[in-house]
Amino acid sequence: MSGAHNRPAPVVVGLVALALGLACAEPAGGDGSDAPLDDGPLEHEQVTTWVTVEQPQDASLVELPARIVASADSRARLDAPLRGTVVAVSVRVGDRVEIGDPIVELRIPAVLEAAAILAGTSKQIGSHKARRERLEELRAAGLVGADEVFSVDSGIGRLSAERRVALATLAAVGLDASQRGEVLSRGTVILTAPVAGVVAKLEAIPGDVIEPSESLAHILGRGPARIEVAFSGELPELASATLEFEGLDGSHFVLAEAPVATAVEPGLGRQLAWYETAEPLALADGVRGRVLLRSNDSKLLEVPRAALRLDGGRAWVGRQPKGGGPPKMIEVEVLRSVGSSALIRSEALAPGDRVAADAGTVLLLKRDALELGEGQAQ
């Protein structure tokens, strides 16, 4: 039994020896704080994230959403002027029409009545005026009294009022008094295309009874237009830049250099600008696309927004020296900053240069330029 209790002794002795050996192997100083450190790279070389300067490529910097806003006479909606019945439809959806082409034929009782009144009152008013002249002669001779003349004048006034109402009814459907005979002989009114274009929508069906202002047809055409551009912030003023519109329909053209007007979009707060086309063009309304900012200026560059050190209305970037070392402080002009990218102009930078883009290094750019190894900021 006593021999069984003495067996673990060698294991205990071995663990003690192992602990003593590890202690002896520890270098002088215990925690190694006095050990010499190898010369490592500079602080900026250890932590700096470098990115390459490029020609502008970020769509948010050089592309802006836009749409064509054509003049009002580039499209038309044909509505029923008065209550009536559709007699015939002369076109189909997709047909191309010119101004004056027949679209819908209507039978409108009020128009027929107006045409009849004009035809009848014209002769009645003439006969009343002739009688009034004769009565005036008789009155001067003392043969008739003023009552007879007044009665004729009242008749002329009543007929004139009826005639004016009839003329207004014809005008409501685009007709004048000279067309009353044509309306009476045909018995219908033909509504024609007010603009040249394509019939995009047709809601008139023969036999339908239509009410005033009820839509009958839509015609889409082309006309003088402006381009509405939406953007945030301010657009850069570039002397050598051009604005080009590319539409989803394949259209492509150049815009004028400056907008005709600008405004703030309610709700969203975006800037809206309207541009004329550089050359007169007839365009379709509502076409969406984009406006591209193009420039031959080789000094226009793109860098990450994080690479900019901004202070007091000025901006700097830290360019990586070719021989290593801390970043070189370069002052730049920020033209536009959107999202994570910035459009800048710089005489000292070129595509392919590398700039610091981490917060730690960029914040150091505000310290004294001598501390960064520079004699002065550029």
Protein backbone atom coordinates (compact mmCIF):
# COMPACT_ATOMS: atom_id res chain seq x y z
CA MET A 1 0.00 0.00 0.00
CA SER A 2 2.83 2.45 0.91
CA GLY A 3 4.51 1.77 -2.45
CA ALA A 4 1.32 2.70 -4.31
CA HIS A 5 1.19 6.14 -2.57
CA ASN A 6 4.81 7.01 -3.53
CA ARG A 7 4.42 6.51 -7.33
CA PRO A 8 3.34 10.15 -8.29
CA ALA A 9 6.51 11.67 -6.81
CA PRO A 10 8.56 11.52 -10.08
CA VAL A 11 5.75 13.42 -11.97
CA VAL A 12 5.78 16.29 -9.46
CA VAL A 13 9.55 16.56 -9.63
CA GLY A 14 9.40 16.72 -13.44
CA LEU A 15 6.89 19.60 -13.50
CA VAL A 16 9.03 21.62 -11.05
CA ALA A 17 12.08 21.11 -13.20
CA LEU A 18 10.20 22.21 -16.32
CA ALA A 19 9.06 25.43 -14.62
CA LEU A 20 12.63 26.20 -13.49
CA GLY A 21 13.93 25.61 -17.00
CA LEU A 22 11.40 28.05 -18.54
CA ALA A 23 12.33 30.67 -15.97
CA CYS A 24 16.03 30.33 -16.78
CA ALA A 25 15.33 30.61 -20.51
CA GLU A 26 13.61 34.06 -20.09
CA PRO A 27 15.95 36.87 -21.23
CA ALA A 28 17.38 39.40 -18.81
CA GLY A 29 14.90 41.99 -17.74
CA GLY A 30 12.09 39.53 -17.22
CA ASP A 31 9.39 41.11 -19.46
CA GLY A 32 11.65 41.90 -22.42
CA SER A 33 11.15 45.64 -22.10
CA ASP A 34 14.88 46.30 -22.32
CA ALA A 35 15.33 44.26 -25.51
CA PRO A 36 16.43 46.39 -28.53
CA LEU A 37 13.76 47.04 -31.29
CA ASP A 38 14.53 46.63 -34.96
CA ASP A 39 14.26 49.72 -37.09
CA GLY A 40 10.89 49.30 -38.85
CA PRO A 41 9.27 51.35 -41.61
CA LEU A 42 8.05 54.88 -41.02
CA GLU A 43 4.67 55.44 -39.39
CA HIS A 44 3.01 56.48 -42.67
CA GLU A 45 4.37 53.45 -44.51
CA GLN A 46 2.92 51.18 -41.86
CA VAL A 47 -0.67 52.50 -41.76
CA THR A 48 -1.28 54.59 -44.88
CA THR A 49 -3.78 53.38 -47.46
CA TRP A 50 -2.78 54.60 -50.91
CA VAL A 51 -5.22 54.99 -53.82
CA THR A 52 -4.54 55.86 -57.44
CA VAL A 53 -5.55 59.21 -58.95
CA GLU A 54 -7.67 58.67 -62.09
CA GLN A 55 -9.39 60.50 -64.89
CA PRO A 56 -13.05 61.14 -63.89
CA GLN A 57 -14.98 57.87 -64.17
CA ASP A 58 -17.52 57.85 -61.34
CA ALA A 59 -20.95 58.28 -62.94
CA SER A 60 -22.18 60.37 -60.00
CA LEU A 61 -19.53 62.99 -60.83
CA VAL A 62 -19.90 63.21 -64.61
CA GLU A 63 -23.48 61.98 -65.26
CA LEU A 64 -26.74 63.67 -64.26
CA PRO A 65 -30.33 62.41 -64.65
CA ALA A 66 -32.27 64.43 -67.21
CA ARG A 67 -35.42 64.46 -69.31
CA ILE A 68 -36.74 66.27 -72.37
CA VAL A 69 -39.46 68.85 -71.73
CA ALA A 70 -40.99 69.74 -75.09
CA SER A 71 -43.20 72.74 -75.78
CA ALA A 72 -46.94 72.41 -75.20
CA ASP A 73 -47.72 72.34 -78.93
CA SER A 74 -45.66 69.15 -79.36
CA ARG A 75 -48.60 67.02 -78.16
CA ALA A 76 -52.38 67.28 -77.94
CA ARG A 77 -55.40 65.68 -76.32
CA LEU A 78 -58.64 65.72 -78.27
CA ASP A 79 -61.67 66.11 -75.97
CA ALA A 80 -65.40 66.25 -76.67
CA PRO A 81 -66.38 69.94 -76.84
CA LEU A 82 -70.10 69.32 -76.18
CA ARG A 83 -72.46 66.44 -75.52
CA GLY A 84 -72.93 64.29 -78.60
CA THR A 85 -72.59 60.89 -80.26
CA VAL A 86 -69.56 59.36 -81.95
CA VAL A 87 -70.45 58.72 -85.60
CA ALA A 88 -67.08 57.54 -86.96
CA VAL A 89 -63.38 57.29 -86.10
CA SER A 90 -60.94 58.01 -88.93
CA VAL A 91 -57.65 56.80 -87.40
CA ARG A 92 -56.09 53.91 -85.48
CA VAL A 93 -53.55 53.92 -82.69
CA GLY A 94 -50.10 54.28 -84.22
CA ASP A 95 -51.24 56.27 -87.26
CA ARG A 96 -49.18 59.33 -88.14
CA VAL A 97 -51.30 62.42 -88.71
CA GLU A 98 -50.74 65.98 -89.88
CA ILE A 99 -52.42 69.15 -88.65
CA GLY A 100 -56.00 69.20 -89.94
CA ASP A 101 -56.36 65.46 -90.58
CA PRO A 102 -59.78 64.10 -89.51
CA ILE A 103 -59.77 62.13 -86.25
CA VAL A 104 -63.34 61.72 -84.94
CA GLU A 105 -66.76 62.56 -86.43
CA LEU A 106 -69.46 63.59 -83.95
CA ARG A 107 -73.16 64.39 -84.11
CA ILE A 108 -73.77 67.27 -81.71
CA PRO A 109 -77.39 68.52 -81.47
CA ALA A 110 -76.37 71.86 -79.97
CA VAL A 111 -74.11 72.60 -82.94
CA LEU A 112 -76.80 71.72 -85.48
CA GLU A 113 -79.24 73.99 -83.67
CA ALA A 114 -76.68 76.82 -83.63
CA ALA A 115 -76.02 76.43 -87.36
CA ALA A 116 -79.76 76.56 -88.04
CA ILE A 117 -80.18 79.70 -85.92
CA LEU A 118 -77.38 81.44 -87.79
CA ALA A 119 -78.89 80.52 -91.14
CA GLY A 120 -82.35 81.78 -90.13
CA THR A 121 -81.50 84.89 -88.16
CA SER A 122 -79.27 86.27 -90.87
CA LYS A 123 -82.26 86.90 -93.16
CA GLN A 124 -84.57 87.92 -90.29
CA ILE A 125 -82.20 90.58 -89.04
CA GLY A 126 -81.88 91.91 -92.59
CA SER A 127 -85.63 92.25 -93.04
CA HIS A 128 -86.02 93.86 -89.59
CA LYS A 129 -83.42 96.48 -90.40
CA ALA A 130 -85.10 97.30 -93.72
CA ARG A 131 -88.46 97.72 -91.95
CA ARG A 132 -86.89 99.93 -89.29
CA GLU A 133 -85.54 102.29 -91.96
CA ARG A 134 -89.00 102.55 -93.51
CA LEU A 135 -90.60 103.20 -90.12
CA GLU A 136 -88.12 105.95 -89.38
CA GLU A 137 -89.18 107.67 -92.61
CA LEU A 138 -92.85 107.34 -91.68
CA ARG A 139 -92.16 108.55 -88.17
CA ALA A 140 -90.45 111.63 -89.53
CA ALA A 141 -93.58 112.29 -91.58
CA GLY A 142 -95.72 111.84 -88.48
CA LEU A 143 -97.47 108.80 -89.84
CA VAL A 144 -96.33 106.29 -87.16
CA GLY A 145 -95.38 106.54 -83.54
CA ALA A 146 -92.27 105.58 -81.63
CA ASP A 147 -93.84 102.35 -80.37
CA GLU A 148 -93.65 100.74 -83.81
CA VAL A 149 -89.95 101.62 -84.16
CA PHE A 150 -89.22 100.37 -80.63
CA SER A 151 -90.93 97.03 -81.37
CA VAL A 152 -88.72 96.49 -84.43
CA ASP A 153 -85.59 97.42 -82.47
CA SER A 154 -86.52 94.88 -79.79
CA GLY A 155 -86.86 92.18 -82.44
CA ILE A 156 -83.46 93.03 -83.88
CA GLY A 157 -81.91 92.85 -80.40
CA ARG A 158 -83.46 89.47 -79.66
CA LEU A 159 -82.27 88.00 -82.97
CA SER A 160 -78.79 89.43 -82.45
CA ALA A 161 -78.57 87.82 -79.01
CA GLU A 162 -79.61 84.45 -80.41
CA ARG A 163 -77.02 84.83 -83.13
CA ARG A 164 -74.25 85.57 -80.63
CA VAL A 165 -75.10 82.44 -78.62
CA ALA A 166 -75.07 80.38 -81.81
CA LEU A 167 -71.70 81.77 -82.85
CA ALA A 168 -70.29 80.88 -79.42
CA THR A 169 -71.57 77.32 -79.78
CA LEU A 170 -69.86 76.95 -83.16
CA ALA A 171 -66.66 78.46 -81.79
CA ALA A 172 -66.66 75.82 -79.02
CA VAL A 173 -66.12 73.13 -81.66
CA GLY A 174 -63.69 75.17 -83.76
CA LEU A 175 -66.14 76.42 -86.39
CA ASP A 176 -67.19 79.87 -87.56
CA ALA A 177 -70.31 81.31 -89.16
CA SER A 178 -69.08 80.61 -92.71
CA GLN A 179 -69.13 76.86 -91.99
CA ARG A 180 -72.76 76.70 -90.88
CA GLY A 181 -73.95 75.53 -94.28
CA GLU A 182 -71.46 72.67 -94.32
CA VAL A 183 -72.55 71.57 -90.83
CA LEU A 184 -76.24 71.67 -91.78
CA SER A 185 -75.73 69.70 -95.00
CA ARG A 186 -73.57 67.02 -93.37
CA GLY A 187 -75.26 66.93 -89.99
CA THR A 188 -72.04 66.18 -88.13
CA VAL A 189 -68.88 67.83 -86.82
CA ILE A 190 -65.42 66.49 -87.67
CA LEU A 191 -62.69 67.01 -85.06
CA THR A 192 -59.24 67.28 -86.66
CA ALA A 193 -55.67 66.87 -85.42
CA PRO A 194 -54.40 70.11 -83.82
CA VAL A 195 -50.76 68.96 -84.06
CA ALA A 196 -48.71 66.69 -86.26
CA GLY A 197 -47.66 63.44 -84.64
CA VAL A 198 -48.70 59.89 -83.87
CA VAL A 199 -52.03 58.78 -82.43
CA ALA A 200 -50.93 57.28 -79.11
CA LYS A 201 -54.32 56.71 -77.50
CA LEU A 202 -57.85 56.39 -78.90
CA GLU A 203 -60.91 56.29 -76.66
CA ALA A 204 -63.68 57.16 -79.13
CA ILE A 205 -65.99 54.28 -80.11
CA PRO A 206 -68.68 54.70 -82.78
CA GLY A 207 -72.11 54.86 -81.17
CA ASP A 208 -70.85 56.08 -77.79
CA VAL A 209 -72.61 59.05 -76.23
CA ILE A 210 -69.90 61.36 -74.97
CA GLU A 211 -70.04 64.14 -72.41
CA PRO A 212 -68.21 67.50 -72.53
CA SER A 213 -64.45 67.23 -71.83
CA GLU A 214 -64.48 63.44 -72.26
CA SER A 215 -61.17 62.30 -73.78
CA LEU A 216 -61.32 61.01 -77.36
CA ALA A 217 -57.70 60.75 -78.56
CA HIS A 218 -54.09 61.57 -77.66
CA ILE A 219 -51.54 62.68 -80.25
CA LEU A 220 -47.81 62.78 -79.51
CA GLY A 221 -45.59 64.91 -81.71
CA ARG A 222 -42.33 66.79 -81.60
CA GLY A 223 -41.46 70.39 -80.95
CA PRO A 224 -38.94 72.83 -79.51
CA ALA A 225 -37.71 71.52 -76.18
CA ARG A 226 -35.53 72.16 -73.18
CA ILE A 227 -33.61 69.61 -71.14
CA GLU A 228 -34.38 69.40 -67.43
CA VAL A 229 -31.33 68.33 -65.41
CA ALA A 230 -31.47 67.32 -61.73
CA PHE A 231 -28.45 67.34 -59.43
CA SER A 232 -27.29 67.90 -55.87
CA GLY A 233 -24.86 70.61 -54.85
CA GLU A 234 -23.40 72.86 -57.53
CA LEU A 235 -22.22 72.03 -61.02
CA PRO A 236 -18.54 72.85 -61.64
CA GLU A 237 -17.77 75.77 -63.93
CA LEU A 238 -15.50 74.29 -66.59
CA ALA A 239 -14.42 76.49 -69.46
CA SER A 240 -13.58 73.56 -71.73
CA ALA A 241 -16.50 71.32 -70.77
CA THR A 242 -19.55 70.37 -72.83
CA LEU A 243 -22.88 68.95 -71.70
CA GLU A 244 -24.25 66.14 -73.85
CA PHE A 245 -27.67 64.53 -73.53
CA GLU A 246 -28.07 60.80 -74.16
CA GLY A 247 -31.70 59.66 -74.24
CA LEU A 248 -33.11 56.21 -73.66
CA ASP A 249 -34.54 56.47 -77.18
CA GLY A 250 -31.01 56.74 -78.63
CA SER A 251 -31.04 60.51 -79.08
CA HIS A 252 -27.72 62.29 -78.53
CA PHE A 253 -27.07 66.02 -78.78
CA VAL A 254 -25.14 68.88 -77.18
CA LEU A 255 -26.68 71.40 -74.80
CA ALA A 256 -26.10 75.12 -74.50
CA GLU A 257 -23.29 76.20 -72.17
CA ALA A 258 -25.50 77.81 -69.51
CA PRO A 259 -29.02 77.04 -68.25
CA VAL A 260 -31.90 79.37 -68.99
CA ALA A 261 -33.18 78.99 -65.42
CA THR A 262 -32.62 77.09 -62.18
CA ALA A 263 -34.83 76.24 -59.21
CA VAL A 264 -34.95 74.05 -56.12
CA GLU A 265 -37.19 70.99 -56.46
CA PRO A 266 -39.87 71.04 -53.74
CA GLY A 267 -39.67 68.18 -51.29
CA LEU A 268 -36.46 66.56 -52.52
CA GLY A 269 -34.42 69.75 -52.37
CA ARG A 270 -32.45 68.92 -55.53
CA GLN A 271 -31.30 71.57 -57.94
CA LEU A 272 -33.17 71.69 -61.26
CA ALA A 273 -31.72 73.40 -64.31
CA TRP A 274 -33.22 73.83 -67.79
CA TYR A 275 -30.95 73.97 -70.85
CA GLU A 276 -31.65 74.82 -74.46
CA THR A 277 -30.18 72.56 -77.12
CA ALA A 278 -27.06 73.90 -78.82
CA GLU A 279 -28.83 73.59 -82.20
CA PRO A 280 -32.61 73.97 -82.77
CA LEU A 281 -34.21 70.53 -82.59
CA ALA A 282 -37.75 69.14 -82.64
CA LEU A 283 -37.92 66.61 -79.79
CA ALA A 284 -40.50 64.31 -78.21
CA ASP A 285 -41.68 65.25 -74.75
CA GLY A 286 -40.83 63.16 -71.68
CA VAL A 287 -37.86 61.17 -73.00
CA ARG A 288 -35.56 60.35 -70.08
CA GLY A 289 -31.82 59.98 -70.20
CA ARG A 290 -28.65 61.42 -68.76
CA VAL A 291 -26.44 64.45 -69.27
CA LEU A 292 -22.73 63.71 -69.56
CA LEU A 293 -20.12 66.22 -68.44
CA ARG A 294 -17.23 66.00 -70.90
CA SER A 295 -13.99 67.95 -70.76
CA ASN A 296 -10.57 67.84 -72.43
CA ASP A 297 -8.94 69.39 -69.36
CA SER A 298 -6.17 66.96 -68.33
CA LYS A 299 -6.07 68.60 -64.91
CA LEU A 300 -9.52 67.28 -64.02
CA LEU A 301 -9.03 64.25 -61.79
CA GLU A 302 -10.98 61.92 -59.55
CA VAL A 303 -9.97 60.98 -56.01
CA PRO A 304 -11.83 59.36 -53.11
CA ARG A 305 -13.64 61.87 -50.97
CA ALA A 306 -11.82 60.39 -47.97
CA ALA A 307 -8.50 61.58 -49.45
CA LEU A 308 -9.42 65.25 -49.06
CA ARG A 309 -8.33 67.33 -46.08
CA LEU A 310 -10.70 70.31 -45.96
CA ASP A 311 -10.19 73.43 -43.92
CA GLY A 312 -11.27 77.02 -44.30
CA GLY A 313 -12.57 76.58 -47.83
CA ARG A 314 -9.32 74.96 -49.02
CA ALA A 315 -8.46 71.33 -49.70
CA TRP A 316 -5.33 69.19 -49.70
CA VAL A 317 -4.37 65.63 -50.55
CA GLY A 318 -1.29 63.69 -49.49
CA ARG A 319 0.66 62.36 -52.48
CA GLN A 320 2.91 59.34 -52.04
CA PRO A 321 6.58 60.24 -52.65
CA LYS A 322 8.32 58.02 -55.17
CA GLY A 323 11.24 57.42 -52.83
CA GLY A 324 9.09 56.62 -49.82
CA GLY A 325 8.50 58.67 -46.71
CA PRO A 326 5.61 60.74 -45.44
CA PRO A 327 2.96 62.03 -47.87
CA LYS A 328 3.61 65.20 -49.80
CA MET A 329 1.02 67.89 -49.12
CA ILE A 330 -0.71 69.03 -52.37
CA GLU A 331 -3.41 71.70 -52.46
CA VAL A 332 -6.27 70.98 -54.90
CA GLU A 333 -9.47 72.64 -56.11
CA VAL A 334 -12.59 70.62 -55.36
CA LEU A 335 -15.12 71.04 -58.19
CA ARG A 336 -17.76 68.51 -57.19
CA SER A 337 -18.12 65.95 -54.42
CA VAL A 338 -20.79 63.25 -54.53
CA GLY A 339 -20.98 60.08 -52.48
CA SER A 340 -17.52 58.58 -51.98
CA SER A 341 -15.84 60.38 -54.92
CA ALA A 342 -14.62 63.90 -55.61
CA LEU A 343 -13.85 65.74 -58.84
CA ILE A 344 -10.79 67.95 -58.42
CA ARG A 345 -8.48 70.15 -60.48
CA SER A 346 -4.76 70.11 -59.78
CA GLU A 347 -1.63 71.23 -61.61
CA ALA A 348 0.60 69.08 -59.42
CA LEU A 349 -1.21 65.75 -59.73
CA ALA A 350 -1.51 63.41 -62.69
CA PRO A 351 -3.34 60.15 -63.40
CA GLY A 352 -1.39 57.31 -61.82
CA ASP A 353 -0.22 59.28 -58.79
CA ARG A 354 -1.14 57.76 -55.44
CA VAL A 355 -2.68 59.69 -52.57
CA ALA A 356 -3.41 58.79 -48.96
CA ALA A 357 -7.02 57.78 -48.28
CA ASP A 358 -7.08 56.71 -44.62
CA ALA A 359 -8.34 59.00 -41.89
CA GLY A 360 -5.20 58.82 -39.78
CA THR A 361 -2.90 60.06 -42.52
CA VAL A 362 -5.34 62.60 -43.97
CA LEU A 363 -5.79 64.26 -40.58
CA LEU A 364 -2.02 64.74 -40.34
CA LEU A 365 -2.08 66.87 -43.48
CA LYS A 366 -3.33 69.80 -41.42
CA ARG A 367 -0.23 69.78 -39.22
CA ASP A 368 2.73 71.96 -40.02
CA ALA A 369 4.07 71.11 -43.49
CA LEU A 370 7.59 70.89 -42.03
CA GLU A 371 6.41 68.10 -39.76
CA LEU A 372 5.41 66.15 -42.88
CA GLY A 373 8.82 66.60 -44.46
CA GLU A 374 7.80 69.51 -46.67
CA GLY A 375 9.19 72.99 -46.80
CA GLN A 376 5.79 74.39 -47.82
CA ALA A 377 2.37 73.25 -48.95
CA GLN A 378 1.83 73.10 -52.67
